[in-house]
């Protein structure tokens, strides 16, 4: 017999009968931990930052809505925001549709 045949024949005998089931569960748990670290945790952090931004809005802030409308905050209520778009044009939008502040983009 050659050496590769001896190694291949000895490999299945080296593993215990219950080891394959335990390694399966370890891999599943490891996969969920990695998914939590790289997907769920950063998304939660981003959601908290967005909620903080929306709660700290004040009159005069320059914002962008989810629909891509740029405007200046004119009035803030509990669930809605009145934004001044151009001249005397004002739009009332839901507070959850405000995505970001664009005043830093203007200064660049």
PDB file of N, CA and C in Angstrom:
ATOM      1  N   UNK A   1       0.833  -1.199   0.000  1.00  0.00           N
ATOM      2  CA  UNK A   1       0.000   0.000   0.000  1.00  0.00           C
ATOM      3  C   UNK A   1       0.867   1.249   0.000  1.00  0.00           C
ATOM      4  N   UNK A   2       0.358   2.232  -0.647  1.00  0.00           N
ATOM      5  CA  UNK A   2       1.103   3.480  -0.652  1.00  0.00           C
ATOM      6  C   UNK A   2       0.657   4.359   0.528  1.00  0.00           C
ATOM      7  N   UNK A   3       1.378   5.395   0.817  1.00  0.00           N
ATOM      8  CA  UNK A   3       1.145   6.236   1.994  1.00  0.00           C
ATOM      9  C   UNK A   3      -0.191   6.983   1.931  1.00  0.00           C
ATOM     10  N   UNK A   4      -0.620   7.570   0.810  1.00  0.00           N
ATOM     11  CA  UNK A   4      -1.921   8.253   0.802  1.00  0.00           C
ATOM     12  C   UNK A   4      -3.081   7.325   1.135  1.00  0.00           C
ATOM     13  N   UNK A   5      -3.006   6.063   0.695  1.00  0.00           N
ATOM     14  CA  UNK A   5      -4.083   5.123   1.008  1.00  0.00           C
ATOM     15  C   UNK A   5      -4.129   4.832   2.507  1.00  0.00           C
ATOM     16  N   UNK A   6      -3.002   4.747   3.139  1.00  0.00           N
ATOM     17  CA  UNK A   6      -2.956   4.488   4.583  1.00  0.00           C
ATOM     18  C   UNK A   6      -3.528   5.682   5.343  1.00  0.00           C
ATOM     19  N   UNK A   7      -3.193   6.893   4.929  1.00  0.00           N
ATOM     20  CA  UNK A   7      -3.688   8.108   5.594  1.00  0.00           C
ATOM     21  C   UNK A   7      -5.191   8.233   5.409  1.00  0.00           C
ATOM     22  N   UNK A   8      -5.698   7.964   4.217  1.00  0.00           N
ATOM     23  CA  UNK A   8      -7.131   8.055   3.956  1.00  0.00           C
ATOM     24  C   UNK A   8      -7.907   6.991   4.721  1.00  0.00           C
ATOM     25  N   UNK A   9      -7.355   5.799   4.835  1.00  0.00           N
ATOM     26  CA  UNK A   9      -8.030   4.742   5.578  1.00  0.00           C
ATOM     27  C   UNK A   9      -8.033   5.031   7.071  1.00  0.00           C
ATOM     28  N   UNK A  10      -7.027   5.698   7.580  1.00  0.00           N
ATOM     29  CA  UNK A  10      -6.925   5.963   9.015  1.00  0.00           C
ATOM     30  C   UNK A  10      -7.750   7.174   9.426  1.00  0.00           C
ATOM     31  N   UNK A  11      -8.074   8.071   8.514  1.00  0.00           N
ATOM     32  CA  UNK A  11      -8.782   9.301   8.858  1.00  0.00           C
ATOM     33  C   UNK A  11     -10.165   9.061   9.434  1.00  0.00           C
ATOM     34  N   UNK A  12     -11.027   8.218   8.861  1.00  0.00           N
ATOM     35  CA  UNK A  12     -12.349   8.021   9.449  1.00  0.00           C
ATOM     36  C   UNK A  12     -12.297   7.364  10.818  1.00  0.00           C
ATOM     37  N   UNK A  13     -11.331   6.526  11.073  1.00  0.00           N
ATOM     38  CA  UNK A  13     -11.232   5.858  12.363  1.00  0.00           C
ATOM     39  C   UNK A  13     -10.794   6.822  13.457  1.00  0.00           C
ATOM     40  N   UNK A  14     -10.168   7.942  13.107  1.00  0.00           N
ATOM     41  CA  UNK A  14      -9.660   8.880  14.103  1.00  0.00           C
ATOM     42  C   UNK A  14     -10.764   9.742  14.698  1.00  0.00           C
ATOM     43  N   UNK A  15     -11.879   9.909  14.005  1.00  0.00           N
ATOM     44  CA  UNK A  15     -12.963  10.749  14.517  1.00  0.00           C
ATOM     45  C   UNK A  15     -13.910   9.927  15.376  1.00  0.00           C
ATOM     46  N   UNK A  16     -14.372  10.519  16.435  1.00  0.00           N
ATOM     47  CA  UNK A  16     -15.319   9.853  17.332  1.00  0.00           C
ATOM     48  C   UNK A  16     -16.703   9.868  16.680  1.00  0.00           C
ATOM     49  N   UNK A  17     -17.574   8.929  17.028  1.00  0.00           N
ATOM     50  CA  UNK A  17     -18.892   8.875  16.395  1.00  0.00           C
ATOM     51  C   UNK A  17     -19.756  10.118  16.624  1.00  0.00           C
ATOM     52  N   UNK A  18     -19.698  10.753  17.776  1.00  0.00           N
ATOM     53  CA  UNK A  18     -20.533  11.922  18.054  1.00  0.00           C
ATOM     54  C   UNK A  18     -19.885  13.242  17.714  1.00  0.00           C
ATOM     55  N   UNK A  19     -18.661  13.226  17.243  1.00  0.00           N
ATOM     56  CA  UNK A  19     -17.930  14.468  16.980  1.00  0.00           C
ATOM     57  C   UNK A  19     -18.510  15.239  15.806  1.00  0.00           C
ATOM     58  N   UNK A  20     -19.037  14.566  14.819  1.00  0.00           N
ATOM     59  CA  UNK A  20     -19.551  15.278  13.650  1.00  0.00           C
ATOM     60  C   UNK A  20     -20.786  16.098  14.003  1.00  0.00           C
ATOM     61  N   UNK A  21     -21.654  15.613  14.882  1.00  0.00           N
ATOM     62  CA  UNK A  21     -22.831  16.370  15.310  1.00  0.00           C
ATOM     63  C   UNK A  21     -22.454  17.587  16.132  1.00  0.00           C
ATOM     64  N   UNK A  22     -21.467  17.444  17.000  1.00  0.00           N
ATOM     65  CA  UNK A  22     -21.019  18.569  17.829  1.00  0.00           C
ATOM     66  C   UNK A  22     -20.357  19.644  16.972  1.00  0.00           C
ATOM     67  N   UNK A  23     -19.561  19.227  16.015  1.00  0.00           N
ATOM     68  CA  UNK A  23     -18.892  20.223  15.162  1.00  0.00           C
ATOM     69  C   UNK A  23     -19.906  20.966  14.300  1.00  0.00           C
ATOM     70  N   UNK A  24     -20.987  20.292  13.911  1.00  0.00           N
ATOM     71  CA  UNK A  24     -22.051  20.942  13.146  1.00  0.00           C
ATOM     72  C   UNK A  24     -22.658  22.081  13.954  1.00  0.00           C
ATOM     73  N   UNK A  25     -22.984  21.829  15.214  1.00  0.00           N
ATOM     74  CA  UNK A  25     -23.601  22.862  16.051  1.00  0.00           C
ATOM     75  C   UNK A  25     -22.628  23.990  16.364  1.00  0.00           C
ATOM     76  N   UNK A  26     -21.361  23.671  16.512  1.00  0.00           N
ATOM     77  CA  UNK A  26     -20.351  24.718  16.737  1.00  0.00           C
ATOM     78  C   UNK A  26     -20.271  25.623  15.509  1.00  0.00           C
ATOM     79  N   UNK A  27     -20.312  25.036  14.325  1.00  0.00           N
ATOM     80  CA  UNK A  27     -20.258  25.832  13.094  1.00  0.00           C
ATOM     81  C   UNK A  27     -21.503  26.711  12.943  1.00  0.00           C
ATOM     82  N   UNK A  28     -22.672  26.187  13.296  1.00  0.00           N
ATOM     83  CA  UNK A  28     -23.908  26.977  13.211  1.00  0.00           C
ATOM     84  C   UNK A  28     -23.838  28.162  14.170  1.00  0.00           C
ATOM     85  N   UNK A  29     -23.421  27.916  15.402  1.00  0.00           N
ATOM     86  CA  UNK A  29     -23.308  28.999  16.387  1.00  0.00           C
ATOM     87  C   UNK A  29     -22.274  30.015  15.931  1.00  0.00           C
ATOM     88  N   UNK A  30     -21.158  29.550  15.430  1.00  0.00           N
ATOM     89  CA  UNK A  30     -20.110  30.452  14.942  1.00  0.00           C
ATOM     90  C   UNK A  30     -20.620  31.305  13.775  1.00  0.00           C
ATOM     91  N   UNK A  31     -21.420  30.715  12.906  1.00  0.00           N
ATOM     92  CA  UNK A  31     -21.974  31.455  11.774  1.00  0.00           C
ATOM     93  C   UNK A  31     -22.909  32.570  12.264  1.00  0.00           C
ATOM     94  N   UNK A  32     -23.753  32.288  13.269  1.00  0.00           N
ATOM     95  CA  UNK A  32     -24.640  33.316  13.801  1.00  0.00           C
ATOM     96  C   UNK A  32     -23.870  34.421  14.513  1.00  0.00           C
ATOM     97  N   UNK A  33     -22.802  34.081  15.208  1.00  0.00           N
ATOM     98  CA  UNK A  33     -21.979  35.099  15.879  1.00  0.00           C
ATOM     99  C   UNK A  33     -21.337  36.020  14.854  1.00  0.00           C
ATOM    100  N   UNK A  34     -20.806  35.442  13.798  1.00  0.00           N
ATOM    101  CA  UNK A  34     -20.180  36.263  12.751  1.00  0.00           C
ATOM    102  C   UNK A  34     -21.219  37.139  12.066  1.00  0.00           C
ATOM    103  N   UNK A  35     -22.407  36.597  11.802  1.00  0.00           N
ATOM    104  CA  UNK A  35     -23.467  37.385  11.178  1.00  0.00           C
ATOM    105  C   UNK A  35     -23.875  38.543  12.088  1.00  0.00           C
ATOM    106  N   UNK A  36     -23.953  38.300  13.386  1.00  0.00           N
ATOM    107  CA  UNK A  36     -24.314  39.356  14.323  1.00  0.00           C
ATOM    108  C   UNK A  36     -23.249  40.439  14.340  1.00  0.00           C
ATOM    109  N   UNK A  37     -21.980  40.049  14.347  1.00  0.00           N
ATOM    110  CA  UNK A  37     -20.892  41.030  14.411  1.00  0.00           C
ATOM    111  C   UNK A  37     -20.810  41.909  13.169  1.00  0.00           C
ATOM    112  N   UNK A  38     -21.019  41.318  12.004  1.00  0.00           N
ATOM    113  CA  UNK A  38     -20.803  42.058  10.769  1.00  0.00           C
ATOM    114  C   UNK A  38     -22.060  42.629  10.131  1.00  0.00           C
ATOM    115  N   UNK A  39     -23.257  42.185  10.555  1.00  0.00           N
ATOM    116  CA  UNK A  39     -24.472  42.675   9.920  1.00  0.00           C
ATOM    117  C   UNK A  39     -25.426  43.352  10.899  1.00  0.00           C
ATOM    118  N   UNK A  40     -25.812  42.677  11.928  1.00  0.00           N
ATOM    119  CA  UNK A  40     -26.855  43.182  12.821  1.00  0.00           C
ATOM    120  C   UNK A  40     -26.336  44.310  13.711  1.00  0.00           C
ATOM    121  N   UNK A  41     -25.186  44.149  14.302  1.00  0.00           N
ATOM    122  CA  UNK A  41     -24.645  45.167  15.214  1.00  0.00           C
ATOM    123  C   UNK A  41     -24.406  46.510  14.522  1.00  0.00           C
ATOM    124  N   UNK A  42     -23.749  46.569  13.357  1.00  0.00           N
ATOM    125  CA  UNK A  42     -23.566  47.864  12.695  1.00  0.00           C
ATOM    126  C   UNK A  42     -24.884  48.509  12.264  1.00  0.00           C
ATOM    127  N   UNK A  43     -25.860  47.688  11.858  1.00  0.00           N
ATOM    128  CA  UNK A  43     -27.143  48.238  11.446  1.00  0.00           C
ATOM    129  C   UNK A  43     -27.865  48.865  12.637  1.00  0.00           C
ATOM    130  N   UNK A  44     -27.815  48.233  13.796  1.00  0.00           N
ATOM    131  CA  UNK A  44     -28.431  48.811  14.993  1.00  0.00           C
ATOM    132  C   UNK A  44     -27.757  50.124  15.378  1.00  0.00           C
ATOM    133  N   UNK A  45     -26.448  50.164  15.265  1.00  0.00           N
ATOM    134  CA  UNK A  45     -25.708  51.390  15.586  1.00  0.00           C
ATOM    135  C   UNK A  45     -26.130  52.519  14.645  1.00  0.00           C
ATOM    136  N   UNK A  46     -26.267  52.218  13.367  1.00  0.00           N
ATOM    137  CA  UNK A  46     -26.675  53.222  12.391  1.00  0.00           C
ATOM    138  C   UNK A  46     -28.096  53.702  12.665  1.00  0.00           C
ATOM    139  N   UNK A  47     -28.998  52.800  13.056  1.00  0.00           N
ATOM    140  CA  UNK A  47     -30.372  53.183  13.366  1.00  0.00           C
ATOM    141  C   UNK A  47     -30.420  54.095  14.583  1.00  0.00           C
ATOM    142  N   UNK A  48     -29.607  53.820  15.597  1.00  0.00           N
ATOM    143  CA  UNK A  48     -29.575  54.669  16.791  1.00  0.00           C
ATOM    144  C   UNK A  48     -29.063  56.065  16.457  1.00  0.00           C
ATOM    145  N   UNK A  49     -28.038  56.141  15.603  1.00  0.00           N
ATOM    146  CA  UNK A  49     -27.518  57.447  15.199  1.00  0.00           C
ATOM    147  C   UNK A  49     -28.568  58.240  14.425  1.00  0.00           C
ATOM    148  N   UNK A  50     -29.321  57.571  13.560  1.00  0.00           N
ATOM    149  CA  UNK A  50     -30.369  58.235  12.784  1.00  0.00           C
ATOM    150  C   UNK A  50     -31.497  58.717  13.690  1.00  0.00           C
ATOM    151  N   UNK A  51     -31.893  57.914  14.676  1.00  0.00           N
ATOM    152  CA  UNK A  51     -32.927  58.333  15.626  1.00  0.00           C
ATOM    153  C   UNK A  51     -32.457  59.527  16.453  1.00  0.00           C
ATOM    154  N   UNK A  52     -31.191  59.525  16.842  1.00  0.00           N
ATOM    155  CA  UNK A  52     -30.630  60.651  17.598  1.00  0.00           C
ATOM    156  C   UNK A  52     -30.636  61.918  16.740  1.00  0.00           C
ATOM    157  N   UNK A  53     -30.252  61.788  15.463  1.00  0.00           N
ATOM    158  CA  UNK A  53     -30.247  62.924  14.546  1.00  0.00           C
ATOM    159  C   UNK A  53     -31.650  63.508  14.409  1.00  0.00           C
ATOM    160  N   UNK A  54     -32.645  62.637  14.235  1.00  0.00           N
ATOM    161  CA  UNK A  54     -34.024  63.103  14.061  1.00  0.00           C
ATOM    162  C   UNK A  54     -34.559  63.760  15.326  1.00  0.00           C
ATOM    163  N   UNK A  55     -34.176  63.273  16.482  1.00  0.00           N
ATOM    164  CA  UNK A  55     -34.674  63.864  17.727  1.00  0.00           C
ATOM    165  C   UNK A  55     -34.009  65.209  18.023  1.00  0.00           C
ATOM    166  N   UNK A  56     -32.833  65.457  17.473  1.00  0.00           N
ATOM    167  CA  UNK A  56     -32.102  66.706  17.730  1.00  0.00           C
ATOM    168  C   UNK A  56     -32.314  67.745  16.632  1.00  0.00           C
ATOM    169  N   UNK A  57     -33.223  67.503  15.694  1.00  0.00           N
ATOM    170  CA  UNK A  57     -33.482  68.483  14.638  1.00  0.00           C
ATOM    171  C   UNK A  57     -34.029  69.774  15.231  1.00  0.00           C
ATOM    172  N   UNK A  58     -33.625  70.868  14.639  1.00  0.00           N
ATOM    173  CA  UNK A  58     -34.137  72.175  15.077  1.00  0.00           C
ATOM    174  C   UNK A  58     -34.406  73.025  13.849  1.00  0.00           C
ATOM    175  N   UNK A  59     -35.086  74.116  14.075  1.00  0.00           N
ATOM    176  CA  UNK A  59     -35.442  75.010  12.984  1.00  0.00           C
ATOM    177  C   UNK A  59     -34.175  75.578  12.334  1.00  0.00           C
ATOM    178  N   UNK A  60     -34.162  75.575  11.008  1.00  0.00           N
ATOM    179  CA  UNK A  60     -33.012  76.106  10.270  1.00  0.00           C
ATOM    180  C   UNK A  60     -32.041  75.035   9.789  1.00  0.00           C
ATOM    181  N   UNK A  61     -32.190  73.796  10.266  1.00  0.00           N
ATOM    182  CA  UNK A  61     -31.321  72.717   9.800  1.00  0.00           C
ATOM    183  C   UNK A  61     -31.623  72.388   8.345  1.00  0.00           C
ATOM    184  N   UNK A  62     -30.594  72.110   7.591  1.00  0.00           N
ATOM    185  CA  UNK A  62     -30.739  71.741   6.182  1.00  0.00           C
ATOM    186  C   UNK A  62     -30.744  70.219   6.110  1.00  0.00           C
ATOM    187  N   UNK A  63     -31.827  69.660   5.543  1.00  0.00           N
ATOM    188  CA  UNK A  63     -32.013  68.215   5.548  1.00  0.00           C
ATOM    189  C   UNK A  63     -32.344  67.679   4.158  1.00  0.00           C
ATOM    190  N   UNK A  64     -32.213  66.357   4.022  1.00  0.00           N
ATOM    191  CA  UNK A  64     -32.582  65.643   2.805  1.00  0.00           C
ATOM    192  C   UNK A  64     -33.591  64.571   3.205  1.00  0.00           C
ATOM    193  N   UNK A  65     -34.687  64.458   2.445  1.00  0.00           N
ATOM    194  CA  UNK A  65     -35.699  63.444   2.734  1.00  0.00           C
ATOM    195  C   UNK A  65     -35.372  62.153   1.982  1.00  0.00           C
ATOM    196  N   UNK A  66     -36.130  61.110   2.289  1.00  0.00           N
ATOM    197  CA  UNK A  66     -35.937  59.824   1.621  1.00  0.00           C
ATOM    198  C   UNK A  66     -36.235  59.925   0.129  1.00  0.00           C
ATOM    199  N   UNK A  67     -37.081  60.851  -0.269  1.00  0.00           N
ATOM    200  CA  UNK A  67     -37.407  61.048  -1.676  1.00  0.00           C
ATOM    201  C   UNK A  67     -36.404  61.919  -2.415  1.00  0.00           C
ATOM    202  N   UNK A  68     -35.378  62.393  -1.727  1.00  0.00           N
ATOM    203  CA  UNK A  68     -34.346  63.202  -2.360  1.00  0.00           C
ATOM    204  C   UNK A  68     -34.666  64.682  -2.397  1.00  0.00           C
ATOM    205  N   UNK A  69     -35.593  65.144  -1.559  1.00  0.00           N
ATOM    206  CA  UNK A  69     -35.954  66.564  -1.518  1.00  0.00           C
ATOM    207  C   UNK A  69     -35.062  67.273  -0.511  1.00  0.00           C
ATOM    208  N   UNK A  70     -34.411  68.332  -0.970  1.00  0.00           N
ATOM    209  CA  UNK A  70     -33.551  69.140  -0.109  1.00  0.00           C
ATOM    210  C   UNK A  70     -34.369  70.306   0.410  1.00  0.00           C
ATOM    211  N   UNK A  71     -34.221  70.598   1.689  1.00  0.00           N
ATOM    212  CA  UNK A  71     -34.960  71.711   2.248  1.00  0.00           C
ATOM    213  C   UNK A  71     -34.416  72.125   3.608  1.00  0.00           C
ATOM    214  N   UNK A  72     -35.025  73.178   4.157  1.00  0.00           N
ATOM    215  CA  UNK A  72     -34.645  73.702   5.459  1.00  0.00           C
ATOM    216  C   UNK A  72     -35.810  73.499   6.417  1.00  0.00           C
ATOM    217  N   UNK A  73     -35.510  73.014   7.613  1.00  0.00           N
ATOM    218  CA  UNK A  73     -36.549  72.754   8.604  1.00  0.00           C
ATOM    219  C   UNK A  73     -37.169  74.080   9.031  1.00  0.00           C
ATOM    220  N   UNK A  74     -38.499  74.163   8.948  1.00  0.00           N
ATOM    221  CA  UNK A  74     -39.213  75.381   9.319  1.00  0.00           C
ATOM    222  C   UNK A  74     -40.035  75.174  10.590  1.00  0.00           C
ATOM    223  N   UNK A  75     -40.601  73.990  10.756  1.00  0.00           N
ATOM    224  CA  UNK A  75     -41.441  73.720  11.923  1.00  0.00           C
ATOM    225  C   UNK A  75     -41.336  72.236  12.264  1.00  0.00           C
ATOM    226  N   UNK A  76     -41.277  71.922  13.560  1.00  0.00           N
ATOM    227  CA  UNK A  76     -41.167  70.540  14.003  1.00  0.00           C
ATOM    228  C   UNK A  76     -42.328  70.220  14.925  1.00  0.00           C
ATOM    229  N   UNK A  77     -43.032  69.149  14.597  1.00  0.00           N
ATOM    230  CA  UNK A  77     -44.085  68.629  15.467  1.00  0.00           C
ATOM    231  C   UNK A  77     -43.658  67.236  15.912  1.00  0.00           C
ATOM    232  N   UNK A  78     -44.539  66.578  16.640  1.00  0.00           N
ATOM    233  CA  UNK A  78     -44.175  65.275  17.189  1.00  0.00           C
ATOM    234  C   UNK A  78     -43.843  64.248  16.097  1.00  0.00           C
ATOM    235  N   UNK A  79     -44.672  64.156  15.061  1.00  0.00           N
ATOM    236  CA  UNK A  79     -44.478  63.151  14.020  1.00  0.00           C
ATOM    237  C   UNK A  79     -44.149  63.723  12.651  1.00  0.00           C
ATOM    238  N   UNK A  80     -44.341  65.020  12.459  1.00  0.00           N
ATOM    239  CA  UNK A  80     -44.116  65.614  11.144  1.00  0.00           C
ATOM    240  C   UNK A  80     -43.162  66.798  11.234  1.00  0.00           C
ATOM    241  N   UNK A  81     -42.622  67.131  10.085  1.00  0.00           N
ATOM    242  CA  UNK A  81     -41.713  68.273   9.973  1.00  0.00           C
ATOM    243  C   UNK A  81     -42.134  69.074   8.744  1.00  0.00           C
ATOM    244  N   UNK A  82     -42.175  70.385   8.892  1.00  0.00           N
ATOM    245  CA  UNK A  82     -42.453  71.268   7.773  1.00  0.00           C
ATOM    246  C   UNK A  82     -41.113  71.761   7.253  1.00  0.00           C
ATOM    247  N   UNK A  83     -40.828  71.440   5.981  1.00  0.00           N
ATOM    248  CA  UNK A  83     -39.557  71.900   5.415  1.00  0.00           C
ATOM    249  C   UNK A  83     -39.833  72.918   4.319  1.00  0.00           C
ATOM    250  N   UNK A  84     -38.982  73.919   4.297  1.00  0.00           N
ATOM    251  CA  UNK A  84     -39.062  74.964   3.284  1.00  0.00           C
ATOM    252  C   UNK A  84     -38.157  74.531   2.130  1.00  0.00           C
ATOM    253  N   UNK A  85     -38.775  74.375   0.959  1.00  0.00           N
ATOM    254  CA  UNK A  85     -38.047  73.830  -0.174  1.00  0.00           C
ATOM    255  C   UNK A  85     -37.426  74.936  -1.014  1.00  0.00           C
ATOM    256  N   UNK A  86     -38.260  75.878  -1.495  1.00  0.00           N
ATOM    257  CA  UNK A  86     -37.763  76.951  -2.346  1.00  0.00           C
ATOM    258  C   UNK A  86     -38.717  78.128  -2.238  1.00  0.00           C
ATOM    259  N   UNK A  87     -38.200  79.279  -1.897  1.00  0.00           N
ATOM    260  CA  UNK A  87     -39.046  80.462  -1.758  1.00  0.00           C
ATOM    261  C   UNK A  87     -40.093  80.250  -0.685  1.00  0.00           C
ATOM    262  N   UNK A  88     -41.366  80.311  -1.071  1.00  0.00           N
ATOM    263  CA  UNK A  88     -42.452  80.111  -0.124  1.00  0.00           C
ATOM    264  C   UNK A  88     -43.025  78.695  -0.180  1.00  0.00           C
ATOM    265  N   UNK A  89     -42.394  77.810  -0.892  1.00  0.00           N
ATOM    266  CA  UNK A  89     -42.886  76.441  -1.009  1.00  0.00           C
ATOM    267  C   UNK A  89     -42.479  75.655   0.238  1.00  0.00           C
ATOM    268  N   UNK A  90     -43.487  75.105   0.916  1.00  0.00           N
ATOM    269  CA  UNK A  90     -43.230  74.326   2.124  1.00  0.00           C
ATOM    270  C   UNK A  90     -43.911  72.973   1.990  1.00  0.00           C
ATOM    271  N   UNK A  91     -43.237  71.951   2.479  1.00  0.00           N
ATOM    272  CA  UNK A  91     -43.768  70.591   2.436  1.00  0.00           C
ATOM    273  C   UNK A  91     -43.803  70.022   3.851  1.00  0.00           C
ATOM    274  N   UNK A  92     -44.891  69.341   4.174  1.00  0.00           N
ATOM    275  CA  UNK A  92     -44.965  68.643   5.458  1.00  0.00           C
ATOM    276  C   UNK A  92     -44.638  67.182   5.194  1.00  0.00           C
ATOM    277  N   UNK A  93     -43.596  66.676   5.843  1.00  0.00           N
ATOM    278  CA  UNK A  93     -43.152  65.297   5.659  1.00  0.00           C
ATOM    279  C   UNK A  93     -43.116  64.589   7.000  1.00  0.00           C
ATOM    280  N   UNK A  94     -43.184  63.286   6.940  1.00  0.00           N
ATOM    281  CA  UNK A  94     -43.070  62.481   8.146  1.00  0.00           C
ATOM    282  C   UNK A  94     -41.639  62.568   8.673  1.00  0.00           C
ATOM    283  N   UNK A  95     -41.510  62.589   9.984  1.00  0.00           N
ATOM    284  CA  UNK A  95     -40.190  62.725  10.592  1.00  0.00           C
ATOM    285  C   UNK A  95     -39.274  61.559  10.216  1.00  0.00           C
ATOM    286  N   UNK A  96     -39.854  60.382   9.991  1.00  0.00           N
ATOM    287  CA  UNK A  96     -39.032  59.215   9.662  1.00  0.00           C
ATOM    288  C   UNK A  96     -38.467  59.270   8.245  1.00  0.00           C
ATOM    289  N   UNK A  97     -38.945  60.195   7.415  1.00  0.00           N
ATOM    290  CA  UNK A  97     -38.418  60.293   6.051  1.00  0.00           C
ATOM    291  C   UNK A  97     -37.194  61.206   5.959  1.00  0.00           C
ATOM    292  N   UNK A  98     -36.828  61.856   7.046  1.00  0.00           N
ATOM    293  CA  UNK A  98     -35.626  62.691   7.050  1.00  0.00           C
ATOM    294  C   UNK A  98     -34.418  61.775   7.205  1.00  0.00           C
ATOM    295  N   UNK A  99     -33.482  61.855   6.247  1.00  0.00           N
ATOM    296  CA  UNK A  99     -32.348  60.932   6.254  1.00  0.00           C
ATOM    297  C   UNK A  99     -31.052  61.531   6.763  1.00  0.00           C
ATOM    298  N   UNK A 100     -30.751  62.752   6.336  1.00  0.00           N
ATOM    299  CA  UNK A 100     -29.452  63.296   6.742  1.00  0.00           C
ATOM    300  C   UNK A 100     -29.444  64.810   6.669  1.00  0.00           C
ATOM    301  N   UNK A 101     -28.397  65.360   7.252  1.00  0.00           N
ATOM    302  CA  UNK A 101     -28.162  66.801   7.250  1.00  0.00           C
ATOM    303  C   UNK A 101     -27.190  67.085   6.107  1.00  0.00           C
ATOM    304  N   UNK A 102     -27.513  68.040   5.285  1.00  0.00           N
ATOM    305  CA  UNK A 102     -26.614  68.321   4.169  1.00  0.00           C
ATOM    306  C   UNK A 102     -25.889  69.648   4.316  1.00  0.00           C
ATOM    307  N   UNK A 103     -25.908  70.249   5.475  1.00  0.00           N
ATOM    308  CA  UNK A 103     -25.212  71.530   5.645  1.00  0.00           C
ATOM    309  C   UNK A 103     -23.697  71.370   5.514  1.00  0.00           C
ATOM    310  N   UNK A 104     -23.165  70.186   5.874  1.00  0.00           N
ATOM    311  CA  UNK A 104     -21.719  69.968   5.700  1.00  0.00           C
ATOM    312  C   UNK A 104     -21.369  69.854   4.223  1.00  0.00           C
ATOM    313  N   UNK A 105     -22.282  69.305   3.416  1.00  0.00           N
ATOM    314  CA  UNK A 105     -22.036  69.159   1.977  1.00  0.00           C
ATOM    315  C   UNK A 105     -21.936  70.522   1.305  1.00  0.00           C
ATOM    316  N   UNK A 106     -22.690  71.494   1.798  1.00  0.00           N
ATOM    317  CA  UNK A 106     -22.682  72.828   1.216  1.00  0.00           C
ATOM    318  C   UNK A 106     -21.347  73.515   1.461  1.00  0.00           C
ATOM    319  N   UNK A 107     -20.769  73.307   2.642  1.00  0.00           N
ATOM    320  CA  UNK A 107     -19.531  73.989   3.029  1.00  0.00           C
ATOM    321  C   UNK A 107     -18.323  73.460   2.284  1.00  0.00           C
ATOM    322  N   UNK A 108     -18.387  72.260   1.712  1.00  0.00           N
ATOM    323  CA  UNK A 108     -17.228  71.670   1.029  1.00  0.00           C
ATOM    324  C   UNK A 108     -16.970  72.283  -0.300  1.00  0.00           C
TER     325      UNK A 108
END
